[in-house]
């Protein structure tokens, strides 16, 4: 990798400061936060303003906010995003770490559709395919996505008298029991499914968010019961959260510390 250009690095550091606080900064703010010389900050601010990356705040002399250029760049980036392609890359990275089957899925009505999948290399592993559709309430990704719906939308999709099909004896078939499970998932920010869609497999899933913060997909890790344990679950939960966060970041989401 080539040498980093200090001036470019400092200019980007300044732009990233606008991500915090109320989104406005003065030159003295930048000097204090980045510990840079006043002259350097003045030159960088002047350059960024001239290129419309930052603009003066009306009625607040000496303060700046982000200009139109970062928005244009961000919009172009968003236009080029492909959830399935980005999901496949992240799923591959997660699978390489845990050597288990990793899925990325989206919600369609009351079903989930797998849009990305990377297999485990173990001889005993979950068998599935991208494009497969399953009842959402029987899967960890599906329950994660259902739990992320607004209450009114969830009511419309899963009314109190809904008939929930069973894929295994462990599948939830009572809407009231499903709602109870979804409440817990919503509180934890994680979904775990134990042999509800496959009698020999358990899964853990975490939510994937887009740049607006909306949950648009879920990432899961599926493990045969012969390799499942409480210790393994803890490890996989952390890995699922990390993978989902990476995919969310690729989609433009910025988590709030």
Protein backbone atom coordinates (compact mmCIF):
# COMPACT_ATOMS: atom_id res chain seq x y z
CA UNK A 1 0.00 0.00 0.00
CA UNK A 2 1.27 3.47 -0.88
CA UNK A 3 2.01 6.28 1.55
CA UNK A 4 -0.92 8.16 3.04
CA UNK A 5 -1.10 11.85 2.10
CA UNK A 6 -1.22 13.88 5.36
CA UNK A 7 -3.23 16.78 3.92
CA UNK A 8 -5.90 14.45 2.52
CA UNK A 9 -6.05 12.53 5.79
CA UNK A 10 -6.56 15.77 7.75
CA UNK A 11 -9.26 16.97 5.36
CA UNK A 12 -11.13 13.67 5.78
CA UNK A 13 -10.70 13.88 9.56
CA UNK A 14 -12.40 17.28 9.45
CA UNK A 15 -15.31 15.98 7.38
CA UNK A 16 -15.83 13.05 9.75
CA UNK A 17 -16.11 15.45 12.71
CA UNK A 18 -19.42 16.62 11.26
CA UNK A 19 -20.90 13.17 11.92
CA UNK A 20 -21.11 13.96 15.64
CA UNK A 21 -22.85 16.60 17.71
CA UNK A 22 -25.29 18.95 16.01
CA UNK A 23 -23.48 18.75 12.68
CA UNK A 24 -21.91 22.22 12.83
CA UNK A 25 -18.34 23.21 13.65
CA UNK A 26 -16.15 26.30 13.80
CA UNK A 27 -12.45 26.47 12.97
CA UNK A 28 -11.55 26.70 16.70
CA UNK A 29 -13.68 23.55 17.30
CA UNK A 30 -11.66 21.71 14.67
CA UNK A 31 -8.35 22.96 16.07
CA UNK A 32 -9.33 21.74 19.53
CA UNK A 33 -10.71 18.36 18.45
CA UNK A 34 -7.92 17.43 16.03
CA UNK A 35 -5.04 19.25 17.71
CA UNK A 36 -3.97 20.79 14.40
CA UNK A 37 -2.29 24.17 13.83
CA UNK A 38 -4.71 27.06 13.24
CA UNK A 39 -3.13 27.90 9.89
CA UNK A 40 -3.51 24.32 8.67
CA UNK A 41 -7.17 24.21 9.73
CA UNK A 42 -7.89 27.54 8.08
CA UNK A 43 -6.39 26.36 4.78
CA UNK A 44 -8.26 23.04 4.87
CA UNK A 45 -11.58 24.67 5.79
CA UNK A 46 -11.16 27.22 2.99
CA UNK A 47 -10.44 24.43 0.50
CA UNK A 48 -13.37 22.27 1.63
CA UNK A 49 -15.71 25.25 1.46
CA UNK A 50 -14.49 26.19 -2.02
CA UNK A 51 -15.29 22.64 -3.21
CA UNK A 52 -18.74 22.69 -1.50
CA UNK A 53 -17.92 19.91 0.97
CA UNK A 54 -18.79 22.31 3.77
CA UNK A 55 -20.80 25.55 3.74
CA UNK A 56 -21.29 28.44 6.21
CA UNK A 57 -24.22 28.14 8.61
CA UNK A 58 -26.73 30.93 8.01
CA UNK A 59 -26.91 33.32 10.94
CA UNK A 60 -23.92 31.74 12.69
CA UNK A 61 -20.74 33.48 11.50
CA UNK A 62 -17.66 31.27 11.53
CA UNK A 63 -19.59 28.00 11.75
CA UNK A 64 -19.89 25.39 9.02
CA UNK A 65 -22.06 22.40 8.15
CA UNK A 66 -21.75 19.72 5.50
CA UNK A 67 -22.42 20.90 1.96
CA UNK A 68 -24.08 19.26 -1.00
CA UNK A 69 -21.02 17.39 -2.28
CA UNK A 70 -20.92 14.70 0.47
CA UNK A 71 -24.64 14.12 -0.13
CA UNK A 72 -24.03 13.65 -3.85
CA UNK A 73 -21.24 11.18 -3.21
CA UNK A 74 -23.34 9.29 -0.67
CA UNK A 75 -26.28 9.12 -3.06
CA UNK A 76 -24.10 7.72 -5.82
CA UNK A 77 -22.73 5.12 -3.39
CA UNK A 78 -26.27 4.13 -2.36
CA UNK A 79 -27.30 3.75 -6.02
CA UNK A 80 -24.52 1.23 -6.56
CA UNK A 81 -25.35 -0.93 -3.55
CA UNK A 82 -26.54 -4.48 -4.12
CA UNK A 83 -27.82 -6.11 -0.92
CA UNK A 84 -27.40 -9.63 -2.26
CA UNK A 85 -23.84 -9.02 -3.49
CA UNK A 86 -22.78 -7.22 -0.32
CA UNK A 87 -24.49 -9.91 1.77
CA UNK A 88 -22.65 -12.67 -0.06
CA UNK A 89 -19.29 -11.06 0.65
CA UNK A 90 -20.03 -10.60 4.35
CA UNK A 91 -21.53 -14.10 4.63
CA UNK A 92 -18.34 -15.53 3.14
CA UNK A 93 -16.21 -13.69 5.69
CA UNK A 94 -18.38 -14.88 8.60
CA UNK A 95 -18.40 -18.47 7.29
CA UNK A 96 -14.62 -18.46 7.00
CA UNK A 97 -14.40 -17.47 10.66
CA UNK A 98 -16.81 -20.04 12.12
CA UNK A 99 -16.93 -22.69 9.35
CA UNK A 100 -20.71 -22.93 9.61
CA UNK A 101 -23.44 -22.13 7.09
CA UNK A 102 -24.28 -18.42 6.90
CA UNK A 103 -27.41 -16.89 5.35
CA UNK A 104 -28.66 -13.40 4.60
CA UNK A 105 -32.43 -13.17 4.20
CA UNK A 106 -35.18 -10.64 3.57
CA UNK A 107 -38.84 -10.67 4.59
CA UNK A 108 -41.67 -11.02 2.07
CA UNK A 109 -45.09 -10.99 3.70
CA UNK A 110 -44.78 -13.84 6.25
CA UNK A 111 -41.95 -15.71 4.53
CA UNK A 112 -38.21 -15.22 4.39
CA UNK A 113 -36.23 -15.45 1.17
CA UNK A 114 -32.55 -16.28 1.36
CA UNK A 115 -30.65 -13.88 -0.89
CA UNK A 116 -27.12 -14.96 0.04
CA UNK A 117 -25.63 -18.17 1.40
CA UNK A 118 -22.19 -19.62 2.11
CA UNK A 119 -21.85 -23.26 3.10
CA UNK A 120 -19.85 -24.79 5.90
CA UNK A 121 -17.01 -27.07 4.80
CA UNK A 122 -18.01 -29.72 7.36
CA UNK A 123 -19.37 -32.99 5.99
CA UNK A 124 -22.38 -32.56 8.30
CA UNK A 125 -23.95 -29.20 7.55
CA UNK A 126 -27.23 -27.47 6.81
CA UNK A 127 -28.42 -27.97 3.23
CA UNK A 128 -30.21 -25.00 1.66
CA UNK A 129 -29.89 -22.59 -1.25
CA UNK A 130 -30.10 -18.91 -2.10
CA UNK A 131 -33.62 -18.14 -3.31
CA UNK A 132 -35.23 -20.63 -0.92
CA UNK A 133 -38.40 -19.47 0.84
CA UNK A 134 -39.43 -20.55 4.36
CA UNK A 135 -42.12 -19.49 6.87
CA UNK A 136 -40.61 -16.59 8.81
CA UNK A 137 -41.86 -17.77 12.20
CA UNK A 138 -39.87 -21.00 11.91
CA UNK A 139 -36.47 -19.38 11.33
CA UNK A 140 -34.13 -17.17 13.31
CA UNK A 141 -33.79 -14.70 10.41
CA UNK A 142 -37.55 -14.60 10.01
CA UNK A 143 -38.27 -14.03 13.67
CA UNK A 144 -35.61 -11.31 13.73
CA UNK A 145 -37.29 -9.59 10.79
CA UNK A 146 -40.81 -10.00 12.21
CA UNK A 147 -39.62 -8.58 15.53
CA UNK A 148 -38.36 -5.50 13.69
CA UNK A 149 -41.74 -4.66 12.17
CA UNK A 150 -43.88 -1.84 13.59
CA UNK A 151 -46.63 -3.28 15.79
CA UNK A 152 -49.43 -2.34 13.37
CA UNK A 153 -47.67 -3.99 10.44
CA UNK A 154 -46.97 -7.12 12.49
CA UNK A 155 -50.67 -7.31 13.41
CA UNK A 156 -51.61 -7.14 9.73
CA UNK A 157 -49.18 -9.89 8.75
CA UNK A 158 -49.76 -12.16 11.74
CA UNK A 159 -53.27 -11.61 13.12
CA UNK A 160 -54.42 -13.33 16.30
CA UNK A 161 -56.21 -16.03 14.32
CA UNK A 162 -53.32 -16.71 11.93
CA UNK A 163 -52.62 -20.35 11.11
CA UNK A 164 -48.90 -20.88 11.59
CA UNK A 165 -47.58 -23.99 9.89
CA UNK A 166 -45.21 -26.32 11.74
CA UNK A 167 -42.02 -27.48 10.06
CA UNK A 168 -40.90 -29.51 13.09
CA UNK A 169 -42.41 -30.39 16.48
CA UNK A 170 -40.50 -27.38 17.89
CA UNK A 171 -42.07 -24.82 15.51
CA UNK A 172 -44.18 -22.08 17.08
CA UNK A 173 -47.78 -22.42 15.85
CA UNK A 174 -49.61 -20.13 18.29
CA UNK A 175 -49.63 -16.42 17.30
CA UNK A 176 -49.66 -15.39 20.98
CA UNK A 177 -46.59 -17.50 21.69
CA UNK A 178 -44.91 -16.04 18.61
CA UNK A 179 -45.59 -12.49 19.82
CA UNK A 180 -44.09 -13.35 23.19
CA UNK A 181 -40.97 -14.69 21.47
CA UNK A 182 -40.76 -11.63 19.23
CA UNK A 183 -40.93 -9.31 22.24
CA UNK A 184 -37.90 -11.04 23.75
CA UNK A 185 -36.06 -10.91 20.42
CA UNK A 186 -36.81 -7.21 20.10
CA UNK A 187 -35.37 -6.58 23.56
CA UNK A 188 -32.23 -8.65 22.93
CA UNK A 189 -31.60 -7.60 19.36
CA UNK A 190 -30.88 -11.25 18.57
CA UNK A 191 -32.98 -14.24 17.50
CA UNK A 192 -32.23 -17.87 18.28
CA UNK A 193 -34.07 -20.79 16.71
CA UNK A 194 -33.66 -24.29 18.10
CA UNK A 195 -34.72 -27.02 15.64
CA UNK A 196 -37.81 -25.08 14.54
CA UNK A 197 -37.23 -25.32 10.78
CA UNK A 198 -34.98 -28.38 10.73
CA UNK A 199 -34.98 -31.05 13.48
CA UNK A 200 -31.19 -31.31 13.32
CA UNK A 201 -30.19 -27.64 13.11
CA UNK A 202 -30.25 -24.53 15.31
CA UNK A 203 -29.59 -20.95 14.20
CA UNK A 204 -28.82 -17.50 15.54
CA UNK A 205 -29.59 -14.26 13.66
CA UNK A 206 -28.91 -10.52 13.95
CA UNK A 207 -30.55 -7.56 12.16
CA UNK A 208 -29.09 -5.75 9.15
CA UNK A 209 -29.95 -2.05 8.81
CA UNK A 210 -29.73 0.37 5.92
CA UNK A 211 -28.55 3.97 6.03
CA UNK A 212 -31.88 5.13 7.49
CA UNK A 213 -31.63 2.67 10.38
CA UNK A 214 -34.43 0.49 9.08
CA UNK A 215 -34.00 -3.30 9.36
CA UNK A 216 -33.89 -4.57 5.77
CA UNK A 217 -32.43 -8.06 6.22
CA UNK A 218 -31.02 -10.45 8.79
CA UNK A 219 -27.84 -12.50 8.91
CA UNK A 220 -27.89 -15.97 10.46
CA UNK A 221 -25.47 -18.74 11.31
CA UNK A 222 -26.85 -22.30 11.16
CA UNK A 223 -25.26 -25.15 13.08
CA UNK A 224 -26.04 -28.89 13.25
CA UNK A 225 -26.99 -29.99 16.76
CA UNK A 226 -23.90 -32.19 16.98
CA UNK A 227 -21.81 -28.98 17.12
CA UNK A 228 -24.29 -26.89 19.14
CA UNK A 229 -23.66 -25.93 22.78
CA UNK A 230 -24.21 -22.99 25.13
CA UNK A 231 -20.57 -21.98 24.71
CA UNK A 232 -20.86 -22.22 20.93
CA UNK A 233 -24.07 -20.20 21.00
CA UNK A 234 -22.38 -17.33 22.83
CA UNK A 235 -19.57 -17.30 20.28
CA UNK A 236 -21.96 -17.41 17.32
CA UNK A 237 -24.18 -14.66 18.72
CA UNK A 238 -21.19 -12.34 18.86
CA UNK A 239 -20.12 -13.32 15.35
CA UNK A 240 -23.63 -12.85 13.94
CA UNK A 241 -23.87 -9.39 15.50
CA UNK A 242 -20.46 -8.47 14.11
CA UNK A 243 -21.32 -9.75 10.63
CA UNK A 244 -24.69 -8.00 10.58
CA UNK A 245 -23.03 -4.77 11.71
CA UNK A 246 -20.46 -5.04 8.91
CA UNK A 247 -23.17 -5.57 6.32
CA UNK A 248 -25.17 -2.68 7.79
CA UNK A 249 -22.11 -0.45 7.49
CA UNK A 250 -21.72 -1.45 3.86
CA UNK A 251 -25.33 -0.37 3.34
CA UNK A 252 -24.56 3.06 4.80
CA UNK A 253 -25.77 2.53 8.36
CA UNK A 254 -23.84 4.33 11.06
CA UNK A 255 -24.30 2.95 14.56
CA UNK A 256 -24.61 5.38 17.44
CA UNK A 257 -22.01 4.73 20.13
